[in-house]
Amino acid sequence: MDKLKRWTDMTWIDINETRGEMIALIPCGSVEQHGPHLPTGTDLYIAQGIADKLAGAGLPCPAERLVMTPPFFHTYAKESDAWPGTLNLDGATLALAVRDVAEGLFRQGIKNIVLLNGHMESYAFIMEGLQLATGDKSGVKAISVNWWDFISDGLIDKLFGDKWPGWVAEHAALTETSIMLYLRPELVRMELSEAGVIPAPLPYKIFPQKKETLPPSGMFARADGASADIGKILVDEVVNKLAPIIEENFRN
């Protein structure tokens, strides 16, 4: 098995027969600019790609029970509103959408959810939605994870050294570009990844955003040094750490 089963490929009879054991995996990304060299769906493609790697990892994770639901593609990405290509939900809308989908799964007797997030700005609203969905119910469990939380500082230092800009600037830069080169190389245009002058991200937020703080390219850090080989190392690190967590939380 090289990818997870898809909810949208199953009939209602298929879902009915497997719902008692099913672990619903919900990928969450964004529709936002990712510089001149990565597609607007980068965050979701990474989340989906990591999820599919769980299927063939040969790890303790009960892959045969995992089913990938339709993703959250439109989420909260308002810090990228200054560039074309970015589409958003309000944070409150996203929280309620996550709540409604999770409650829909619970209503059908699917008690276990993993939400795999690929977009940092959405995380607080995702957690609110899952809290709303699970708060008054017994016998259900939902876990939410960000893929980057499984990447150790030691591995980052080993792979990137002094090129590492820090996670606050890591948008369409070293990790995301490397993972996309590994998972979806046909969508990466490395010849366009030269970002030029990049304003440093501020350690605080200004609203409305000031034009002079925004990099024309949409990138706050450079992508040179990214590679498919590094992308594989990063994805393997996430899968190797995430699979046992799923096993531990959803063991029968």
Protein backbone atom coordinates (compact mmCIF):
# COMPACT_ATOMS: atom_id res chain seq x y z
CA MET A 1 0.00 0.00 0.00
CA ASP A 2 1.59 3.26 -1.14
CA LYS A 3 -1.13 5.67 -0.10
CA LEU A 4 -3.96 5.89 2.37
CA LYS A 5 -7.50 4.96 1.47
CA ARG A 6 -9.57 7.98 0.43
CA TRP A 7 -12.95 8.70 1.96
CA THR A 8 -14.06 10.14 -1.38
CA ASP A 9 -13.18 6.90 -3.19
CA MET A 10 -15.37 4.83 -0.84
CA THR A 11 -19.10 4.15 -1.05
CA TRP A 12 -21.35 4.66 1.94
CA ILE A 13 -21.44 0.88 2.31
CA ASP A 14 -17.62 0.78 2.48
CA ILE A 15 -17.66 3.48 5.15
CA ASN A 16 -20.43 1.77 7.09
CA GLU A 17 -18.53 -1.52 7.16
CA THR A 18 -15.30 0.03 8.42
CA ARG A 19 -16.42 2.95 10.56
CA GLY A 20 -16.05 1.16 13.87
CA GLU A 21 -12.33 0.65 13.36
CA MET A 22 -11.63 3.67 11.18
CA ILE A 23 -9.14 6.38 12.06
CA ALA A 24 -10.09 9.45 10.02
CA LEU A 25 -7.03 11.43 8.99
CA ILE A 26 -7.85 15.01 8.01
CA PRO A 27 -5.13 16.92 6.12
CA CYS A 28 -5.13 20.66 6.64
CA GLY A 29 -3.23 23.15 4.49
CA SER A 30 -3.88 26.53 2.94
CA VAL A 31 -4.36 28.31 -0.34
CA GLU A 32 -1.66 30.97 -0.18
CA GLN A 33 1.30 32.30 -2.06
CA HIS A 34 4.51 30.36 -1.53
CA GLY A 35 6.95 32.54 -3.34
CA PRO A 36 7.58 32.47 -7.08
CA HIS A 37 8.69 28.83 -7.16
CA LEU A 38 6.13 26.83 -5.13
CA PRO A 39 2.41 26.34 -5.81
CA THR A 40 -0.33 27.90 -3.70
CA GLY A 41 -1.30 24.43 -2.47
CA THR A 42 2.11 23.70 -0.92
CA ASP A 43 0.91 23.39 2.68
CA LEU A 44 -1.79 20.90 1.77
CA TYR A 45 0.41 18.90 -0.61
CA ILE A 46 2.95 18.45 2.19
CA ALA A 47 0.31 17.33 4.69
CA GLN A 48 -1.23 14.89 2.22
CA GLY A 49 2.15 13.58 1.13
CA ILE A 50 3.26 12.91 4.70
CA ALA A 51 -0.06 11.19 5.39
CA ASP A 52 0.39 8.88 2.41
CA LYS A 53 3.88 7.94 3.58
CA LEU A 54 2.28 6.50 6.72
CA ALA A 55 0.63 3.86 4.54
CA GLY A 56 3.85 2.28 3.31
CA ALA A 57 6.15 2.90 6.22
CA GLY A 58 5.99 -0.59 7.72
CA LEU A 59 5.73 0.99 11.15
CA PRO A 60 3.49 0.17 14.13
CA CYS A 61 0.91 2.66 12.86
CA PRO A 62 -2.34 0.81 11.97
CA ALA A 63 -2.26 2.03 8.38
CA GLU A 64 -5.09 -0.24 7.26
CA ARG A 65 -7.43 1.66 9.61
CA LEU A 66 -6.43 5.12 8.37
CA VAL A 67 -8.72 6.81 5.86
CA MET A 68 -7.88 10.24 4.44
CA THR A 69 -10.91 12.51 4.44
CA PRO A 70 -11.40 15.47 2.13
CA PRO A 71 -8.93 18.10 3.28
CA PHE A 72 -9.24 21.56 4.72
CA PHE A 73 -7.76 23.46 1.82
CA HIS A 74 -9.17 26.95 2.47
CA THR A 75 -8.04 27.95 5.94
CA TYR A 76 -6.61 31.06 7.63
CA ALA A 77 -3.74 32.63 5.70
CA LYS A 78 -4.32 36.35 6.03
CA GLU A 79 -0.67 37.23 6.44
CA SER A 80 -0.34 36.39 2.74
CA ASP A 81 -3.26 38.54 1.61
CA ALA A 82 -0.88 41.07 0.05
CA TRP A 83 -0.05 38.62 -2.75
CA PRO A 84 -2.29 37.20 -5.47
CA GLY A 85 -3.25 33.56 -5.07
CA THR A 86 -4.17 33.62 -1.40
CA LEU A 87 -7.73 32.62 -0.42
CA ASN A 88 -8.99 32.61 3.15
CA LEU A 89 -11.55 31.67 5.70
CA ASP A 90 -11.96 33.82 8.79
CA GLY A 91 -10.55 32.14 11.89
CA ALA A 92 -13.99 31.74 13.46
CA THR A 93 -15.31 30.19 10.24
CA LEU A 94 -12.44 27.71 10.17
CA ALA A 95 -12.99 26.73 13.80
CA LEU A 96 -16.67 26.06 13.14
CA ALA A 97 -15.89 24.15 9.93
CA VAL A 98 -13.47 21.87 11.81
CA ARG A 99 -16.10 21.41 14.52
CA ASP A 100 -18.80 20.49 12.00
CA VAL A 101 -16.65 17.97 10.11
CA ALA A 102 -15.45 16.32 13.33
CA GLU A 103 -19.02 16.14 14.66
CA GLY A 104 -20.12 14.64 11.35
CA LEU A 105 -17.56 11.86 11.77
CA PHE A 106 -18.56 11.25 15.38
CA ARG A 107 -22.26 11.14 14.41
CA GLN A 108 -21.51 8.27 12.04
CA GLY A 109 -19.74 6.23 14.69
CA ILE A 110 -16.19 7.16 13.66
CA LYS A 111 -14.61 7.87 17.02
CA ASN A 112 -10.97 8.52 16.11
CA ILE A 113 -9.53 11.54 14.29
CA VAL A 114 -6.02 12.65 13.39
CA LEU A 115 -5.75 16.15 11.98
CA LEU A 116 -2.41 16.63 10.23
CA ASN A 117 -1.73 20.33 9.81
CA GLY A 118 0.61 21.93 7.29
CA HIS A 119 -0.10 25.62 7.91
CA MET A 120 1.03 27.40 11.06
CA GLU A 121 -1.48 30.26 11.12
CA SER A 122 -4.45 27.88 11.22
CA TYR A 123 -3.44 25.92 14.27
CA ALA A 124 -5.23 27.85 17.02
CA PHE A 125 -8.50 27.73 15.08
CA ILE A 126 -8.11 24.01 14.40
CA MET A 127 -7.64 23.35 18.09
CA GLU A 128 -10.72 25.43 18.90
CA GLY A 129 -12.78 23.43 16.41
CA LEU A 130 -11.64 20.08 17.79
CA GLN A 131 -12.25 21.28 21.35
CA LEU A 132 -15.79 22.30 20.43
CA ALA A 133 -16.43 18.95 18.74
CA THR A 134 -15.06 16.74 21.50
CA GLY A 135 -15.87 18.76 24.62
CA ASP A 136 -19.22 17.19 25.54
CA LYS A 137 -18.72 13.70 24.11
CA SER A 138 -17.40 10.50 25.61
CA GLY A 139 -15.62 7.70 23.81
CA VAL A 140 -14.13 9.92 21.11
CA LYS A 141 -10.57 11.10 20.58
CA ALA A 142 -8.98 13.63 18.24
CA ILE A 143 -5.31 14.50 18.02
CA SER A 144 -3.92 17.43 16.07
CA VAL A 145 -0.33 17.60 14.91
CA ASN A 146 1.87 20.04 13.01
CA TRP A 147 4.45 18.22 10.90
CA TRP A 148 7.27 20.65 11.78
CA ASP A 149 6.95 19.87 15.50
CA PHE A 150 8.54 16.49 14.78
CA ILE A 151 11.70 18.01 13.32
CA SER A 152 14.39 18.28 15.97
CA ASP A 153 16.71 21.26 16.32
CA GLY A 154 19.63 18.86 15.96
CA LEU A 155 18.42 17.60 12.60
CA ILE A 156 17.80 21.15 11.35
CA ASP A 157 21.33 22.16 12.36
CA LYS A 158 22.80 19.09 10.68
CA LEU A 159 20.91 19.67 7.42
CA PHE A 160 21.09 23.45 7.10
CA GLY A 161 23.69 24.83 9.52
CA ASP A 162 23.92 28.61 9.41
CA LYS A 163 21.54 28.79 6.45
CA TRP A 164 18.61 28.08 8.76
CA PRO A 165 16.44 31.23 9.11
CA GLY A 166 14.29 29.98 12.01
CA TRP A 167 10.72 28.75 11.79
CA VAL A 168 9.27 32.28 11.85
CA ALA A 169 10.85 32.94 8.44
CA GLU A 170 10.46 29.41 7.09
CA HIS A 171 7.84 30.07 4.43
CA ALA A 172 8.58 28.68 0.95
CA ALA A 173 12.18 28.38 2.09
CA LEU A 174 14.42 25.45 3.02
CA THR A 175 12.09 22.86 4.57
CA GLU A 176 9.00 23.43 2.46
CA THR A 177 10.99 23.62 -0.77
CA SER A 178 12.94 20.47 0.10
CA ILE A 179 9.79 18.51 0.96
CA MET A 180 8.05 19.64 -2.22
CA LEU A 181 11.11 18.65 -4.28
CA TYR A 182 10.74 15.19 -2.75
CA LEU A 183 6.94 14.81 -2.83
CA ARG A 184 5.85 16.91 -5.83
CA PRO A 185 8.93 17.87 -7.88
CA GLU A 186 6.85 18.53 -10.98
CA LEU A 187 5.30 21.55 -9.23
CA VAL A 188 8.57 23.18 -8.11
CA ARG A 189 10.27 25.87 -10.23
CA MET A 190 13.67 26.19 -8.63
CA GLU A 191 14.88 28.52 -11.36
CA LEU A 192 12.48 31.12 -9.91
CA SER A 193 13.47 30.65 -6.27
CA GLU A 194 15.96 33.53 -6.15
CA ALA A 195 14.23 35.83 -3.71
CA GLY A 196 16.44 38.90 -3.95
CA VAL A 197 16.24 41.40 -1.10
CA ILE A 198 14.22 39.93 1.76
CA PRO A 199 12.98 42.14 4.62
CA ALA A 200 13.55 40.40 7.94
CA PRO A 201 10.34 39.26 9.64
CA LEU A 202 9.42 41.49 12.54
CA PRO A 203 9.14 39.96 16.04
CA TYR A 204 5.69 41.55 16.32
CA LYS A 205 2.67 42.15 14.08
CA ILE A 206 1.43 45.42 12.61
CA PHE A 207 -2.15 45.80 11.37
CA PRO A 208 -2.77 46.69 8.67
CA GLN A 209 0.43 45.22 7.26
CA LYS A 210 2.97 47.80 6.15
CA LYS A 211 4.16 47.37 2.59
CA GLU A 212 7.81 47.95 3.47
CA THR A 213 7.84 44.91 5.76
CA LEU A 214 6.70 42.55 2.99
CA PRO A 215 9.17 40.85 0.64
CA PRO A 216 8.20 41.36 -3.03
CA SER A 217 8.80 37.67 -3.71
CA GLY A 218 6.63 36.43 -0.84
CA MET A 219 9.67 34.73 0.71
CA PHE A 220 11.22 35.79 4.02
CA ALA A 221 14.22 33.48 3.62
CA ARG A 222 16.15 31.91 0.80
CA ALA A 223 15.55 28.42 -0.57
CA ASP A 224 19.03 27.73 -1.93
CA GLY A 225 20.30 24.63 -0.21
CA ALA A 226 16.96 22.85 -0.48
CA SER A 227 16.97 19.43 -2.12
CA ALA A 228 14.81 16.36 -2.63
CA ASP A 229 17.26 14.29 -0.57
CA ILE A 230 16.78 16.65 2.37
CA GLY A 231 13.03 16.54 1.80
CA LYS A 232 13.04 12.76 2.15
CA ILE A 233 15.03 12.97 5.39
CA LEU A 234 12.50 15.46 6.79
CA VAL A 235 9.46 13.44 5.75
CA ASP A 236 10.96 10.21 7.09
CA GLU A 237 11.64 11.95 10.41
CA VAL A 238 8.01 13.05 10.69
CA VAL A 239 6.60 9.64 9.71
CA ASN A 240 8.94 7.75 12.05
CA LYS A 241 7.79 9.88 14.99
CA LEU A 242 4.11 10.27 14.08
CA ALA A 243 3.27 6.61 13.36
CA PRO A 244 3.98 5.38 16.92
CA ILE A 245 1.91 8.26 18.33
CA ILE A 246 -1.09 7.18 16.26
CA GLU A 247 -0.52 3.59 17.35
CA GLU A 248 -0.33 4.57 21.01
CA ASN A 249 -3.45 6.74 20.94
CA PHE A 250 -5.69 4.50 18.87
CA ARG A 251 -4.59 1.01 19.87
CA ASN A 252 -7.61 -1.30 20.28
